[in-house]
PDB file of N, CA and C in Angstrom:
ATOM      1  N   MET A   1       0.824  -1.176   0.163  1.00  0.00           N
ATOM      2  CA  MET A   1       0.089   0.074  -0.109  1.00  0.00           C
ATOM      3  C   MET A   1       0.900   1.389  -0.045  1.00  0.00           C
ATOM      4  N   LYS A   2       1.761   1.068   0.432  1.00  0.00           N
ATOM      5  CA  LYS A   2       2.895   2.310   0.722  1.00  0.00           C
ATOM      6  C   LYS A   2       3.400   2.817  -0.527  1.00  0.00           C
ATOM      7  N   LYS A   3       3.994   1.671  -1.564  1.00  0.00           N
ATOM      8  CA  LYS A   3       4.370   2.023  -2.611  1.00  0.00           C
ATOM      9  C   LYS A   3       3.265   2.528  -3.604  1.00  0.00           C
ATOM     10  N   TYR A   4       1.814   2.120  -3.486  1.00  0.00           N
ATOM     11  CA  TYR A   4       0.978   2.661  -4.357  1.00  0.00           C
ATOM     12  C   TYR A   4       0.718   4.236  -3.832  1.00  0.00           C
ATOM     13  N   LEU A   5       0.747   4.443  -2.881  1.00  0.00           N
ATOM     14  CA  LEU A   5       0.459   5.969  -2.377  1.00  0.00           C
ATOM     15  C   LEU A   5       1.647   6.545  -2.919  1.00  0.00           C
ATOM     16  N   LEU A   6       2.858   6.366  -2.613  1.00  0.00           N
ATOM     17  CA  LEU A   6       3.916   6.813  -3.267  1.00  0.00           C
ATOM     18  C   LEU A   6       3.896   7.071  -4.696  1.00  0.00           C
ATOM     19  N   TYR A   7       3.677   6.207  -5.252  1.00  0.00           N
ATOM     20  CA  TYR A   7       3.271   6.311  -6.816  1.00  0.00           C
ATOM     21  C   TYR A   7       2.156   7.120  -7.270  1.00  0.00           C
ATOM     22  N   LEU A   8       1.101   7.267  -6.389  1.00  0.00           N
ATOM     23  CA  LEU A   8       0.099   8.303  -6.600  1.00  0.00           C
ATOM     24  C   LEU A   8       0.404   9.566  -6.394  1.00  0.00           C
ATOM     25  N   LEU A   9       1.335   9.767  -5.461  1.00  0.00           N
ATOM     26  CA  LEU A   9       2.060  11.118  -4.946  1.00  0.00           C
ATOM     27  C   LEU A   9       2.839  11.608  -6.331  1.00  0.00           C
ATOM     28  N   ARG A  10       3.677  10.867  -6.584  1.00  0.00           N
ATOM     29  CA  ARG A  10       4.506  11.124  -7.802  1.00  0.00           C
ATOM     30  C   ARG A  10       3.856  11.167  -8.878  1.00  0.00           C
ATOM     31  N   TRP A  11       2.758  10.828  -9.197  1.00  0.00           N
ATOM     32  CA  TRP A  11       1.629  10.831 -10.604  1.00  0.00           C
ATOM     33  C   TRP A  11       1.383  12.325 -10.154  1.00  0.00           C
ATOM     34  N   GLN A  12       0.822  12.765  -9.006  1.00  0.00           N
ATOM     35  CA  GLN A  12       0.339  14.174  -9.228  1.00  0.00           C
ATOM     36  C   GLN A  12       1.361  15.129  -9.407  1.00  0.00           C
ATOM     37  N   LEU A  13       2.511  14.831  -8.974  1.00  0.00           N
ATOM     38  CA  LEU A  13       3.880  15.866  -9.173  1.00  0.00           C
ATOM     39  C   LEU A  13       4.073  16.069 -10.634  1.00  0.00           C
ATOM     40  N   SER A  14       3.560  15.134 -11.521  1.00  0.00           N
ATOM     41  CA  SER A  14       4.264  15.310 -12.812  1.00  0.00           C
ATOM     42  C   SER A  14       3.169  16.254 -13.557  1.00  0.00           C
ATOM     43  N   SER A  15       1.858  16.543 -12.882  1.00  0.00           N
ATOM     44  CA  SER A  15       0.939  17.491 -13.447  1.00  0.00           C
ATOM     45  C   SER A  15       1.566  18.844 -13.486  1.00  0.00           C
ATOM     46  N   PRO A  16       2.080  19.476 -12.431  1.00  0.00           N
ATOM     47  CA  PRO A  16       2.861  20.745 -12.396  1.00  0.00           C
ATOM     48  C   PRO A  16       4.074  20.866 -13.525  1.00  0.00           C
ATOM     49  N   ILE A  17       4.778  19.828 -13.961  1.00  0.00           N
ATOM     50  CA  ILE A  17       5.664  19.915 -14.910  1.00  0.00           C
ATOM     51  C   ILE A  17       4.998  20.124 -16.225  1.00  0.00           C
ATOM     52  N   LEU A  18       3.908  19.283 -16.564  1.00  0.00           N
ATOM     53  CA  LEU A  18       3.159  19.554 -17.858  1.00  0.00           C
ATOM     54  C   LEU A  18       2.675  20.988 -17.978  1.00  0.00           C
ATOM     55  N   ALA A  19       2.031  21.421 -16.606  1.00  0.00           N
ATOM     56  CA  ALA A  19       1.583  23.050 -16.712  1.00  0.00           C
ATOM     57  C   ALA A  19       2.447  23.940 -17.110  1.00  0.00           C
ATOM     58  N   ILE A  20       3.354  23.845 -16.449  1.00  0.00           N
ATOM     59  CA  ILE A  20       4.633  24.777 -16.557  1.00  0.00           C
ATOM     60  C   ILE A  20       4.916  24.717 -18.095  1.00  0.00           C
ATOM     61  N   CYS A  21       5.371  23.412 -18.751  1.00  0.00           N
ATOM     62  CA  CYS A  21       5.735  23.743 -20.059  1.00  0.00           C
ATOM     63  C   CYS A  21       4.690  24.104 -20.937  1.00  0.00           C
ATOM     64  N   LEU A  22       3.553  23.635 -20.588  1.00  0.00           N
ATOM     65  CA  LEU A  22       2.397  24.273 -21.390  1.00  0.00           C
ATOM     66  C   LEU A  22       2.050  25.751 -21.521  1.00  0.00           C
ATOM     67  N   CYS A  23       2.479  26.464 -19.994  1.00  0.00           N
ATOM     68  CA  CYS A  23       2.251  27.778 -20.087  1.00  0.00           C
ATOM     69  C   CYS A  23       3.383  28.698 -20.598  1.00  0.00           C
ATOM     70  N   TYR A  24       4.620  28.098 -20.278  1.00  0.00           N
ATOM     71  CA  TYR A  24       5.726  28.944 -20.653  1.00  0.00           C
ATOM     72  C   TYR A  24       6.482  28.683 -22.012  1.00  0.00           C
ATOM     73  N   LEU A  25       6.486  27.469 -22.317  1.00  0.00           N
ATOM     74  CA  LEU A  25       7.134  27.231 -23.628  1.00  0.00           C
ATOM     75  C   LEU A  25       6.241  27.727 -24.688  1.00  0.00           C
ATOM     76  N   LYS A  26       6.926  28.326 -25.730  1.00  0.00           N
ATOM     77  CA  LYS A  26       6.218  28.872 -26.961  1.00  0.00           C
ATOM     78  C   LYS A  26       6.109  28.148 -28.203  1.00  0.00           C
ATOM     79  N   LEU A  27       6.234  26.789 -28.248  1.00  0.00           N
ATOM     80  CA  LEU A  27       6.493  26.113 -29.281  1.00  0.00           C
ATOM     81  C   LEU A  27       5.252  25.366 -29.903  1.00  0.00           C
ATOM     82  N   GLY A  28       4.237  25.665 -29.129  1.00  0.00           N
ATOM     83  CA  GLY A  28       2.579  25.235 -29.741  1.00  0.00           C
ATOM     84  C   GLY A  28       2.513  23.841 -28.765  1.00  0.00           C
ATOM     85  N   THR A  29       1.133  23.468 -28.792  1.00  0.00           N
ATOM     86  CA  THR A  29       0.775  22.360 -27.573  1.00  0.00           C
ATOM     87  C   THR A  29       1.410  21.081 -27.734  1.00  0.00           C
ATOM     88  N   VAL A  30       1.513  20.653 -29.120  1.00  0.00           N
ATOM     89  CA  VAL A  30       1.939  19.526 -29.286  1.00  0.00           C
ATOM     90  C   VAL A  30       3.630  19.469 -28.779  1.00  0.00           C
ATOM     91  N   TRP A  31       4.378  20.312 -29.283  1.00  0.00           N
ATOM     92  CA  TRP A  31       5.655  20.227 -29.018  1.00  0.00           C
ATOM     93  C   TRP A  31       5.885  20.434 -27.545  1.00  0.00           C
ATOM     94  N   ASN A  32       5.333  21.513 -26.932  1.00  0.00           N
ATOM     95  CA  ASN A  32       5.204  21.580 -25.578  1.00  0.00           C
ATOM     96  C   ASN A  32       4.611  20.380 -24.445  1.00  0.00           C
ATOM     97  N   THR A  33       3.912  19.604 -24.939  1.00  0.00           N
ATOM     98  CA  THR A  33       3.419  18.557 -24.624  1.00  0.00           C
ATOM     99  C   THR A  33       4.581  17.402 -24.660  1.00  0.00           C
ATOM    100  N   ILE A  34       5.272  17.179 -25.708  1.00  0.00           N
ATOM    101  CA  ILE A  34       6.240  16.257 -25.983  1.00  0.00           C
ATOM    102  C   ILE A  34       7.670  16.784 -24.966  1.00  0.00           C
ATOM    103  N   ILE A  35       7.831  17.869 -25.227  1.00  0.00           N
ATOM    104  CA  ILE A  35       8.919  18.233 -24.096  1.00  0.00           C
ATOM    105  C   ILE A  35       8.703  18.165 -22.704  1.00  0.00           C
ATOM    106  N   ALA A  36       7.527  18.395 -22.298  1.00  0.00           N
ATOM    107  CA  ALA A  36       6.904  18.181 -20.751  1.00  0.00           C
ATOM    108  C   ALA A  36       7.231  16.770 -20.557  1.00  0.00           C
ATOM    109  N   ASN A  37       6.617  15.711 -21.474  1.00  0.00           N
ATOM    110  CA  ASN A  37       6.689  14.378 -21.018  1.00  0.00           C
ATOM    111  C   ASN A  37       8.077  13.731 -21.046  1.00  0.00           C
ATOM    112  N   LEU A  38       9.160  14.324 -22.023  1.00  0.00           N
ATOM    113  CA  LEU A  38      10.534  13.979 -22.104  1.00  0.00           C
ATOM    114  C   LEU A  38      11.220  14.502 -20.462  1.00  0.00           C
ATOM    115  N   ILE A  39      10.736  15.570 -20.059  1.00  0.00           N
ATOM    116  CA  ILE A  39      11.310  15.976 -18.899  1.00  0.00           C
ATOM    117  C   ILE A  39      10.788  15.071 -17.724  1.00  0.00           C
ATOM    118  N   GLY A  40       9.539  15.056 -17.802  1.00  0.00           N
ATOM    119  CA  GLY A  40       8.977  14.090 -16.800  1.00  0.00           C
ATOM    120  C   GLY A  40       9.698  12.702 -16.865  1.00  0.00           C
ATOM    121  N   GLY A  41       9.906  12.301 -17.999  1.00  0.00           N
ATOM    122  CA  GLY A  41      10.572  10.727 -18.191  1.00  0.00           C
ATOM    123  C   GLY A  41      12.067  10.713 -17.353  1.00  0.00           C
ATOM    124  N   CYS A  42      12.606  11.706 -17.746  1.00  0.00           N
ATOM    125  CA  CYS A  42      13.950  12.048 -17.177  1.00  0.00           C
ATOM    126  C   CYS A  42      13.904  11.998 -15.594  1.00  0.00           C
ATOM    127  N   ILE A  43      12.777  12.841 -14.937  1.00  0.00           N
ATOM    128  CA  ILE A  43      12.950  12.895 -13.686  1.00  0.00           C
ATOM    129  C   ILE A  43      12.365  11.789 -12.833  1.00  0.00           C
ATOM    130  N   PHE A  44      11.235  11.292 -13.362  1.00  0.00           N
ATOM    131  CA  PHE A  44      10.285  10.371 -12.541  1.00  0.00           C
ATOM    132  C   PHE A  44      10.858   8.860 -12.811  1.00  0.00           C
ATOM    133  N   TYR A  45      11.932   8.611 -13.973  1.00  0.00           N
ATOM    134  CA  TYR A  45      12.341   7.350 -14.049  1.00  0.00           C
ATOM    135  C   TYR A  45      13.008   6.960 -12.983  1.00  0.00           C
ATOM    136  N   TRP A  46      13.792   7.966 -12.440  1.00  0.00           N
ATOM    137  CA  TRP A  46      14.524   7.461 -11.144  1.00  0.00           C
ATOM    138  C   TRP A  46      13.657   7.445  -9.951  1.00  0.00           C
ATOM    139  N   VAL A  47      12.758   8.221  -9.842  1.00  0.00           N
ATOM    140  CA  VAL A  47      11.863   8.358  -8.921  1.00  0.00           C
ATOM    141  C   VAL A  47      10.940   6.801  -8.838  1.00  0.00           C
ATOM    142  N   ASP A  48      10.557   6.482  -9.717  1.00  0.00           N
ATOM    143  CA  ASP A  48       9.876   5.184  -9.946  1.00  0.00           C
ATOM    144  C   ASP A  48      10.784   4.074  -9.598  1.00  0.00           C
ATOM    145  N   LYS A  49      12.314   3.937 -10.416  1.00  0.00           N
ATOM    146  CA  LYS A  49      12.998   3.045  -9.839  1.00  0.00           C
ATOM    147  C   LYS A  49      13.192   2.885  -8.141  1.00  0.00           C
ATOM    148  N   LEU A  50      13.256   4.047  -7.339  1.00  0.00           N
ATOM    149  CA  LEU A  50      13.345   4.170  -5.913  1.00  0.00           C
ATOM    150  C   LEU A  50      11.951   3.594  -5.462  1.00  0.00           C
ATOM    151  N   ILE A  51      10.886   3.788  -5.773  1.00  0.00           N
ATOM    152  CA  ILE A  51       9.522   3.524  -5.338  1.00  0.00           C
ATOM    153  C   ILE A  51       9.373   1.739  -5.514  1.00  0.00           C
ATOM    154  N   PHE A  52       9.808   1.240  -6.808  1.00  0.00           N
ATOM    155  CA  PHE A  52       9.399  -0.070  -7.094  1.00  0.00           C
ATOM    156  C   PHE A  52      10.531  -0.994  -6.864  1.00  0.00           C
ATOM    157  N   LYS A  53      11.525  -0.524  -6.021  1.00  0.00           N
ATOM    158  CA  LYS A  53      12.741  -1.352  -5.900  1.00  0.00           C
ATOM    159  C   LYS A  53      12.332  -2.379  -4.738  1.00  0.00           C
ATOM    160  N   ASP A  54      12.965  -3.416  -5.343  1.00  0.00           N
ATOM    161  CA  ASP A  54      12.521  -4.798  -4.310  1.00  0.00           C
ATOM    162  C   ASP A  54      13.359  -4.615  -2.892  1.00  0.00           C
TER     163      ASP A  54
END
């Protein structure tokens, strides 16, 4: 249950990254979303590895 709650918290933290990229980058919605997802992937890959570590 603890891992699940940490994962849900992590999921919520990804929303501000997407919002910031959509608001401040001026490349268009599709490119902003792609960049936001790449940034989120670079950050949260490591967080997910810690959460789901055996």
